[in-house]
Amino acid sequence: MAILNMIVAQVATQSAKSAVLSVWDLTLKGGWLMIPLALLLLVSIYIFFERLFATSRVTKADSQFLQQIKSLIQAGKIEDAKQLCQTTNTAYSRMIEKGVSRIGRPMNDVLVAIENVGNMEIARMEKGFNWLATTAAGAPMIGFLGTVTGMVQAFYSLASAGQNSNVSILASGIYEALMTTVAGLVVGILALFAYNYLTSRVNKIMNRLEGNTMEFMDLLNEPAAQPPHFNKR
């Protein structure tokens, strides 16, 4: 307890006498484990913005798309409906294209085909999510590892100094070691928030796709009283 009080007093004295270290100076004092943490941060930032833009393109669906599909199907223009899906080129249009290609089969077969494509689209949107989840869990552990190794080095330096040892040797080693913990927690927290935000965004898109799929299935049931003649051109 006395050693801890001496360390705190020494650190407080040094802080009062010297200027505050910059973030860059503290980063450099964190040791070589700051390099993998920096790489994890850069990759996580890239994945976050890349997936954010990718999911934004998915949500930009043409509001008139389903109405156009409805008109083409009721007119029996199946090939034209497929062509419209291909030119629209969105997750929803690819799902509907598979459904259009299954028209004439049992409704359950149509729904299963659409759901299979939907699962593939969701998996494509979640590309890179595993990396964010791994970073959120792994970065703090790397930070703790750096702190433990740094503490070992600090006490070893104190012991090696012999009679010339002083509290400042231990204090400087401790705050340098703790920098990896701070960096690991920062990277892990950012990755966790990014992962949760993107996961929530994909869940909303999935719910929207499911709703649109139900609208398409209702569309196929609408002409039951007067079934259209499907003229494949």
C-alpha atoms as a PDB file:
ATOM      1  CA  MET A   1       0.000   0.000   0.000  1.00  0.00           C
ATOM      2  CA  ALA A   2       2.875   2.316   0.836  1.00  0.00           C
ATOM      3  CA  ILE A   3       4.494   1.607  -2.553  1.00  0.00           C
ATOM      4  CA  LEU A   4       1.226   2.384  -4.314  1.00  0.00           C
ATOM      5  CA  ASN A   5       0.909   5.690  -2.467  1.00  0.00           C
ATOM      6  CA  MET A   6       4.475   6.557  -3.417  1.00  0.00           C
ATOM      7  CA  ILE A   7       3.746   5.751  -7.075  1.00  0.00           C
ATOM      8  CA  VAL A   8       0.640   7.938  -7.086  1.00  0.00           C
ATOM      9  CA  ALA A   9       2.527  10.802  -5.439  1.00  0.00           C
ATOM     10  CA  GLN A  10       5.414  10.502  -7.880  1.00  0.00           C
ATOM     11  CA  VAL A  11       3.092  10.478 -10.900  1.00  0.00           C
ATOM     12  CA  ALA A  12       1.199  13.483  -9.560  1.00  0.00           C
ATOM     13  CA  THR A  13       4.470  15.382  -9.064  1.00  0.00           C
ATOM     14  CA  GLN A  14       5.663  14.598 -12.578  1.00  0.00           C
ATOM     15  CA  SER A  15       2.306  15.602 -14.034  1.00  0.00           C
ATOM     16  CA  ALA A  16       2.438  18.952 -12.288  1.00  0.00           C
ATOM     17  CA  LYS A  17       5.921  19.689 -13.532  1.00  0.00           C
ATOM     18  CA  SER A  18       5.698  18.474 -17.135  1.00  0.00           C
ATOM     19  CA  ALA A  19       3.390  19.193 -20.021  1.00  0.00           C
ATOM     20  CA  VAL A  20       0.606  16.795 -20.844  1.00  0.00           C
ATOM     21  CA  LEU A  21       1.689  14.088 -23.259  1.00  0.00           C
ATOM     22  CA  SER A  22       0.019  14.110 -26.627  1.00  0.00           C
ATOM     23  CA  VAL A  23      -2.009  11.154 -27.862  1.00  0.00           C
ATOM     24  CA  TRP A  24       0.726  10.338 -30.365  1.00  0.00           C
ATOM     25  CA  ASP A  25       3.402  10.303 -27.642  1.00  0.00           C
ATOM     26  CA  LEU A  26       1.310   7.987 -25.510  1.00  0.00           C
ATOM     27  CA  THR A  27       0.690   5.749 -28.533  1.00  0.00           C
ATOM     28  CA  LEU A  28       4.400   5.440 -29.191  1.00  0.00           C
ATOM     29  CA  LYS A  29       4.998   4.483 -25.555  1.00  0.00           C
ATOM     30  CA  GLY A  30       2.484   1.634 -25.781  1.00  0.00           C
ATOM     31  CA  GLY A  31       4.958  -0.761 -27.367  1.00  0.00           C
ATOM     32  CA  TRP A  32       4.784  -3.053 -30.370  1.00  0.00           C
ATOM     33  CA  LEU A  33       1.301  -4.362 -29.463  1.00  0.00           C
ATOM     34  CA  MET A  34      -0.061  -0.973 -30.535  1.00  0.00           C
ATOM     35  CA  ILE A  35       0.666  -2.011 -34.146  1.00  0.00           C
ATOM     36  CA  PRO A  36      -1.885  -4.874 -34.332  1.00  0.00           C
ATOM     37  CA  LEU A  37      -4.390  -2.714 -32.458  1.00  0.00           C
ATOM     38  CA  ALA A  38      -3.927   0.054 -35.034  1.00  0.00           C
ATOM     39  CA  LEU A  39      -4.395  -2.452 -37.867  1.00  0.00           C
ATOM     40  CA  LEU A  40      -7.564  -3.802 -36.257  1.00  0.00           C
ATOM     41  CA  LEU A  41      -8.885  -0.254 -35.949  1.00  0.00           C
ATOM     42  CA  LEU A  42      -8.165   0.600 -39.590  1.00  0.00           C
ATOM     43  CA  VAL A  43      -9.736  -2.595 -40.916  1.00  0.00           C
ATOM     44  CA  SER A  44     -12.797  -2.143 -38.699  1.00  0.00           C
ATOM     45  CA  ILE A  45     -13.293   1.425 -39.920  1.00  0.00           C
ATOM     46  CA  TYR A  46     -13.041   0.263 -43.536  1.00  0.00           C
ATOM     47  CA  ILE A  47     -15.539  -2.581 -43.026  1.00  0.00           C
ATOM     48  CA  PHE A  48     -17.983  -0.280 -41.233  1.00  0.00           C
ATOM     49  CA  PHE A  49     -18.143   2.363 -43.960  1.00  0.00           C
ATOM     50  CA  GLU A  50     -18.008  -0.181 -46.800  1.00  0.00           C
ATOM     51  CA  ARG A  51     -20.945  -2.122 -45.335  1.00  0.00           C
ATOM     52  CA  LEU A  52     -22.766   1.114 -44.532  1.00  0.00           C
ATOM     53  CA  PHE A  53     -22.629   2.214 -48.166  1.00  0.00           C
ATOM     54  CA  ALA A  54     -23.475  -1.313 -49.382  1.00  0.00           C
ATOM     55  CA  THR A  55     -26.597  -1.539 -47.229  1.00  0.00           C
ATOM     56  CA  SER A  56     -27.571   1.990 -48.266  1.00  0.00           C
ATOM     57  CA  ARG A  57     -27.671   0.855 -51.888  1.00  0.00           C
ATOM     58  CA  VAL A  58     -29.921  -2.046 -50.890  1.00  0.00           C
ATOM     59  CA  THR A  59     -32.458   0.231 -49.229  1.00  0.00           C
ATOM     60  CA  LYS A  60     -32.736   2.465 -52.309  1.00  0.00           C
ATOM     61  CA  ALA A  61     -35.531   0.509 -53.938  1.00  0.00           C
ATOM     62  CA  ASP A  62     -37.772   1.866 -56.671  1.00  0.00           C
ATOM     63  CA  SER A  63     -41.191   2.555 -55.156  1.00  0.00           C
ATOM     64  CA  GLN A  64     -42.816   1.798 -58.516  1.00  0.00           C
ATOM     65  CA  PHE A  65     -41.028  -1.522 -58.975  1.00  0.00           C
ATOM     66  CA  LEU A  66     -43.704  -3.766 -57.463  1.00  0.00           C
ATOM     67  CA  GLN A  67     -46.470  -1.932 -59.310  1.00  0.00           C
ATOM     68  CA  GLN A  68     -44.642  -2.450 -62.607  1.00  0.00           C
ATOM     69  CA  ILE A  69     -44.130  -6.128 -61.798  1.00  0.00           C
ATOM     70  CA  LYS A  70     -47.815  -6.419 -60.985  1.00  0.00           C
ATOM     71  CA  SER A  71     -48.854  -4.897 -64.292  1.00  0.00           C
ATOM     72  CA  LEU A  72     -46.512  -7.155 -66.288  1.00  0.00           C
ATOM     73  CA  ILE A  73     -47.613 -10.321 -64.514  1.00  0.00           C
ATOM     74  CA  GLN A  74     -51.309  -9.506 -64.891  1.00  0.00           C
ATOM     75  CA  ALA A  75     -50.643  -8.918 -68.590  1.00  0.00           C
ATOM     76  CA  GLY A  76     -48.900 -12.291 -68.804  1.00  0.00           C
ATOM     77  CA  LYS A  77     -45.535 -10.744 -69.765  1.00  0.00           C
ATOM     78  CA  ILE A  78     -43.330 -12.986 -67.673  1.00  0.00           C
ATOM     79  CA  GLU A  79     -40.144 -12.427 -69.672  1.00  0.00           C
ATOM     80  CA  ASP A  80     -40.621  -8.659 -69.470  1.00  0.00           C
ATOM     81  CA  ALA A  81     -41.014  -8.983 -65.699  1.00  0.00           C
ATOM     82  CA  LYS A  82     -37.752 -10.939 -65.503  1.00  0.00           C
ATOM     83  CA  GLN A  83     -36.012  -8.316 -67.605  1.00  0.00           C
ATOM     84  CA  LEU A  84     -37.253  -5.563 -65.305  1.00  0.00           C
ATOM     85  CA  CYS A  85     -35.874  -7.439 -62.286  1.00  0.00           C
ATOM     86  CA  GLN A  86     -32.490  -7.825 -63.959  1.00  0.00           C
ATOM     87  CA  THR A  87     -32.212  -4.174 -64.915  1.00  0.00           C
ATOM     88  CA  THR A  88     -33.308  -2.997 -61.444  1.00  0.00           C
ATOM     89  CA  ASN A  89     -30.521  -5.097 -59.867  1.00  0.00           C
ATOM     90  CA  THR A  90     -31.341  -4.816 -56.160  1.00  0.00           C
ATOM     91  CA  ALA A  91     -31.651  -7.449 -53.464  1.00  0.00           C
ATOM     92  CA  TYR A  92     -35.431  -7.267 -53.674  1.00  0.00           C
ATOM     93  CA  SER A  93     -35.476  -7.474 -57.475  1.00  0.00           C
ATOM     94  CA  ARG A  94     -33.271 -10.570 -57.432  1.00  0.00           C
ATOM     95  CA  MET A  95     -35.658 -12.205 -54.977  1.00  0.00           C
ATOM     96  CA  ILE A  96     -38.665 -11.304 -57.114  1.00  0.00           C
ATOM     97  CA  GLU A  97     -36.898 -12.533 -60.255  1.00  0.00           C
ATOM     98  CA  LYS A  98     -36.586 -15.963 -58.690  1.00  0.00           C
ATOM     99  CA  GLY A  99     -40.261 -15.859 -57.730  1.00  0.00           C
ATOM    100  CA  VAL A 100     -41.293 -14.819 -61.246  1.00  0.00           C
ATOM    101  CA  SER A 101     -39.295 -17.694 -62.722  1.00  0.00           C
ATOM    102  CA  ARG A 102     -41.269 -20.096 -60.505  1.00  0.00           C
ATOM    103  CA  ILE A 103     -44.730 -18.847 -61.538  1.00  0.00           C
ATOM    104  CA  GLY A 104     -46.948 -21.795 -62.372  1.00  0.00           C
ATOM    105  CA  ARG A 105     -45.557 -23.979 -59.620  1.00  0.00           C
ATOM    106  CA  PRO A 106     -47.157 -24.480 -56.163  1.00  0.00           C
ATOM    107  CA  MET A 107     -47.135 -21.337 -54.064  1.00  0.00           C
ATOM    108  CA  ASN A 108     -44.983 -22.978 -51.397  1.00  0.00           C
ATOM    109  CA  ASP A 109     -42.284 -23.688 -54.001  1.00  0.00           C
ATOM    110  CA  VAL A 110     -42.366 -20.057 -55.095  1.00  0.00           C
ATOM    111  CA  LEU A 111     -42.027 -18.843 -51.503  1.00  0.00           C
ATOM    112  CA  VAL A 112     -39.165 -21.228 -50.718  1.00  0.00           C
ATOM    113  CA  ALA A 113     -37.279 -20.111 -53.829  1.00  0.00           C
ATOM    114  CA  ILE A 114     -37.651 -16.448 -52.857  1.00  0.00           C
ATOM    115  CA  GLU A 115     -36.578 -17.151 -49.263  1.00  0.00           C
ATOM    116  CA  ASN A 116     -33.457 -18.975 -50.443  1.00  0.00           C
ATOM    117  CA  VAL A 117     -32.385 -15.993 -52.513  1.00  0.00           C
ATOM    118  CA  GLY A 118     -33.233 -13.710 -49.586  1.00  0.00           C
ATOM    119  CA  ASN A 119     -30.982 -15.712 -47.266  1.00  0.00           C
ATOM    120  CA  MET A 120     -28.144 -15.382 -49.764  1.00  0.00           C
ATOM    121  CA  GLU A 121     -28.684 -11.628 -49.973  1.00  0.00           C
ATOM    122  CA  ILE A 122     -28.643 -11.283 -46.179  1.00  0.00           C
ATOM    123  CA  ALA A 123     -25.443 -13.323 -45.987  1.00  0.00           C
ATOM    124  CA  ARG A 124     -23.891 -11.040 -48.615  1.00  0.00           C
ATOM    125  CA  MET A 125     -24.872  -7.952 -46.614  1.00  0.00           C
ATOM    126  CA  GLU A 126     -23.330  -9.423 -43.453  1.00  0.00           C
ATOM    127  CA  LYS A 127     -19.950  -9.904 -45.109  1.00  0.00           C
ATOM    128  CA  GLY A 128     -17.235  -8.714 -42.723  1.00  0.00           C
ATOM    129  CA  PHE A 129     -19.444  -8.741 -39.627  1.00  0.00           C
ATOM    130  CA  ASN A 130     -17.434 -11.624 -38.150  1.00  0.00           C
ATOM    131  CA  TRP A 131     -14.321  -9.474 -38.314  1.00  0.00           C
ATOM    132  CA  LEU A 132     -16.017  -6.695 -36.352  1.00  0.00           C
ATOM    133  CA  ALA A 133     -17.265  -9.156 -33.732  1.00  0.00           C
ATOM    134  CA  THR A 134     -13.791 -10.687 -33.413  1.00  0.00           C
ATOM    135  CA  THR A 135     -12.201  -7.262 -33.072  1.00  0.00           C
ATOM    136  CA  ALA A 136     -14.717  -6.236 -30.410  1.00  0.00           C
ATOM    137  CA  ALA A 137     -13.759  -9.277 -28.334  1.00  0.00           C
ATOM    138  CA  GLY A 138     -10.092  -9.595 -29.220  1.00  0.00           C
ATOM    139  CA  ALA A 139      -8.817  -6.002 -29.083  1.00  0.00           C
ATOM    140  CA  PRO A 140      -9.332  -5.616 -25.288  1.00  0.00           C
ATOM    141  CA  MET A 141      -7.582  -8.954 -24.748  1.00  0.00           C
ATOM    142  CA  ILE A 142      -4.591  -7.757 -26.762  1.00  0.00           C
ATOM    143  CA  GLY A 143      -4.601  -4.596 -24.669  1.00  0.00           C
ATOM    144  CA  PHE A 144      -4.599  -6.597 -21.436  1.00  0.00           C
ATOM    145  CA  LEU A 145      -1.764  -8.731 -22.762  1.00  0.00           C
ATOM    146  CA  GLY A 146       0.274  -5.604 -23.430  1.00  0.00           C
ATOM    147  CA  THR A 147      -0.411  -4.361 -19.913  1.00  0.00           C
ATOM    148  CA  VAL A 148       0.687  -7.628 -18.306  1.00  0.00           C
ATOM    149  CA  THR A 149       3.898  -7.824 -20.335  1.00  0.00           C
ATOM    150  CA  GLY A 150       4.538  -4.134 -19.678  1.00  0.00           C
ATOM    151  CA  MET A 151       4.112  -4.612 -15.926  1.00  0.00           C
ATOM    152  CA  VAL A 152       6.552  -7.521 -15.999  1.00  0.00           C
ATOM    153  CA  GLN A 153       9.092  -5.354 -17.794  1.00  0.00           C
ATOM    154  CA  ALA A 154       8.522  -2.474 -15.367  1.00  0.00           C
ATOM    155  CA  PHE A 155       9.172  -4.597 -12.279  1.00  0.00           C
ATOM    156  CA  TYR A 156      12.126  -6.264 -13.967  1.00  0.00           C
ATOM    157  CA  SER A 157      13.635  -2.841 -14.687  1.00  0.00           C
ATOM    158  CA  LEU A 158      13.038  -1.851 -11.065  1.00  0.00           C
ATOM    159  CA  ALA A 159      14.743  -4.987  -9.796  1.00  0.00           C
ATOM    160  CA  SER A 160      17.645  -4.634 -12.233  1.00  0.00           C
ATOM    161  CA  ALA A 161      18.339  -1.085 -11.099  1.00  0.00           C
ATOM    162  CA  GLY A 162      19.386  -2.387  -7.703  1.00  0.00           C
ATOM    163  CA  GLN A 163      20.322   0.379  -5.255  1.00  0.00           C
ATOM    164  CA  ASN A 164      19.699   2.976  -8.006  1.00  0.00           C
ATOM    165  CA  SER A 165      16.051   1.980  -8.282  1.00  0.00           C
ATOM    166  CA  ASN A 166      13.412   4.588  -7.610  1.00  0.00           C
ATOM    167  CA  VAL A 167       9.694   4.925  -7.877  1.00  0.00           C
ATOM    168  CA  SER A 168       9.874   6.867 -11.144  1.00  0.00           C
ATOM    169  CA  ILE A 169      11.194   3.788 -12.941  1.00  0.00           C
ATOM    170  CA  LEU A 170       8.169   1.770 -11.849  1.00  0.00           C
ATOM    171  CA  ALA A 171       5.695   4.617 -12.410  1.00  0.00           C
ATOM    172  CA  SER A 172       6.816   5.298 -15.980  1.00  0.00           C
ATOM    173  CA  GLY A 173       6.704   1.595 -16.813  1.00  0.00           C
ATOM    174  CA  ILE A 174       3.208   1.219 -15.423  1.00  0.00           C
ATOM    175  CA  TYR A 175       1.621   4.101 -17.323  1.00  0.00           C
ATOM    176  CA  GLU A 176       3.296   2.965 -20.526  1.00  0.00           C
ATOM    177  CA  ALA A 177       1.933  -0.543 -19.975  1.00  0.00           C
ATOM    178  CA  LEU A 178      -1.579   0.733 -19.314  1.00  0.00           C
ATOM    179  CA  MET A 179      -1.627   2.478 -22.703  1.00  0.00           C
ATOM    180  CA  THR A 180      -2.214  -0.851 -24.453  1.00  0.00           C
ATOM    181  CA  THR A 181      -5.255  -1.471 -22.251  1.00  0.00           C
ATOM    182  CA  VAL A 182      -6.667   1.946 -23.108  1.00  0.00           C
ATOM    183  CA  ALA A 183      -6.026   1.408 -26.822  1.00  0.00           C
ATOM    184  CA  GLY A 184      -7.507  -2.096 -26.751  1.00  0.00           C
ATOM    185  CA  LEU A 185     -10.658  -0.916 -25.009  1.00  0.00           C
ATOM    186  CA  VAL A 186     -11.104   1.990 -27.435  1.00  0.00           C
ATOM    187  CA  VAL A 187     -10.738  -0.267 -30.487  1.00  0.00           C
ATOM    188  CA  GLY A 188     -13.000  -2.931 -28.973  1.00  0.00           C
ATOM    189  CA  ILE A 189     -15.746  -0.461 -28.043  1.00  0.00           C
ATOM    190  CA  LEU A 190     -15.740   1.144 -31.491  1.00  0.00           C
ATOM    191  CA  ALA A 191     -15.894  -2.262 -33.189  1.00  0.00           C
ATOM    192  CA  LEU A 192     -18.728  -3.356 -30.902  1.00  0.00           C
ATOM    193  CA  PHE A 193     -20.810  -0.264 -31.637  1.00  0.00           C
ATOM    194  CA  ALA A 194     -20.133  -0.634 -35.364  1.00  0.00           C
ATOM    195  CA  TYR A 195     -21.151  -4.303 -35.293  1.00  0.00           C
ATOM    196  CA  ASN A 196     -24.378  -3.658 -33.372  1.00  0.00           C
ATOM    197  CA  TYR A 197     -25.348  -0.742 -35.607  1.00  0.00           C
ATOM    198  CA  LEU A 198     -24.785  -2.691 -38.828  1.00  0.00           C
ATOM    199  CA  THR A 199     -26.576  -5.740 -37.429  1.00  0.00           C
ATOM    200  CA  SER A 200     -29.587  -3.611 -36.536  1.00  0.00           C
ATOM    201  CA  ARG A 201     -29.511  -2.055 -40.003  1.00  0.00           C
ATOM    202  CA  VAL A 202     -29.467  -5.466 -41.719  1.00  0.00           C
ATOM    203  CA  ASN A 203     -32.327  -6.686 -39.515  1.00  0.00           C
ATOM    204  CA  LYS A 204     -34.442  -3.727 -40.630  1.00  0.00           C
ATOM    205  CA  ILE A 205     -33.630  -4.477 -44.265  1.00  0.00           C
ATOM    206  CA  MET A 206     -34.519  -8.133 -43.716  1.00  0.00           C
ATOM    207  CA  ASN A 207     -37.896  -7.176 -42.244  1.00  0.00           C
ATOM    208  CA  ARG A 208     -38.549  -4.902 -45.216  1.00  0.00           C
ATOM    209  CA  LEU A 209     -37.647  -7.653 -47.673  1.00  0.00           C
ATOM    210  CA  GLU A 210     -39.969 -10.063 -45.888  1.00  0.00           C
ATOM    211  CA  GLY A 211     -42.798  -7.541 -46.103  1.00  0.00           C
ATOM    212  CA  ASN A 212     -42.152  -6.983 -49.808  1.00  0.00           C
ATOM    213  CA  THR A 213     -42.092 -10.737 -50.366  1.00  0.00           C
ATOM    214  CA  MET A 214     -45.519 -11.075 -48.776  1.00  0.00           C
ATOM    215  CA  GLU A 215     -46.802  -8.334 -51.076  1.00  0.00           C
ATOM    216  CA  PHE A 216     -45.495 -10.268 -54.061  1.00  0.00           C
ATOM    217  CA  MET A 217     -47.106 -13.489 -52.866  1.00  0.00           C
ATOM    218  CA  ASP A 218     -50.411 -11.633 -52.406  1.00  0.00           C
ATOM    219  CA  LEU A 219     -49.980 -10.345 -55.936  1.00  0.00           C
ATOM    220  CA  LEU A 220     -49.779 -13.897 -57.248  1.00  0.00           C
ATOM    221  CA  ASN A 221     -52.987 -14.752 -55.413  1.00  0.00           C
ATOM    222  CA  GLU A 222     -54.901 -11.719 -56.710  1.00  0.00           C
ATOM    223  CA  PRO A 223     -55.761 -13.015 -60.196  1.00  0.00           C
ATOM    224  CA  ALA A 224     -57.105 -16.297 -58.816  1.00  0.00           C
ATOM    225  CA  ALA A 225     -60.641 -15.436 -59.975  1.00  0.00           C
ATOM    226  CA  GLN A 226     -59.458 -14.531 -63.479  1.00  0.00           C
ATOM    227  CA  PRO A 227     -56.078 -16.149 -64.012  1.00  0.00           C
ATOM    228  CA  PRO A 228     -53.951 -14.344 -66.609  1.00  0.00           C
ATOM    229  CA  HIS A 229     -52.558 -16.040 -69.680  1.00  0.00           C
ATOM    230  CA  PHE A 230     -48.801 -16.149 -69.255  1.00  0.00           C
ATOM    231  CA  ASN A 231     -47.364 -15.547 -72.690  1.00  0.00           C
ATOM    232  CA  LYS A 232     -43.631 -16.119 -72.467  1.00  0.00           C
ATOM    233  CA  ARG A 233     -41.941 -13.953 -75.047  1.00  0.00           C
END
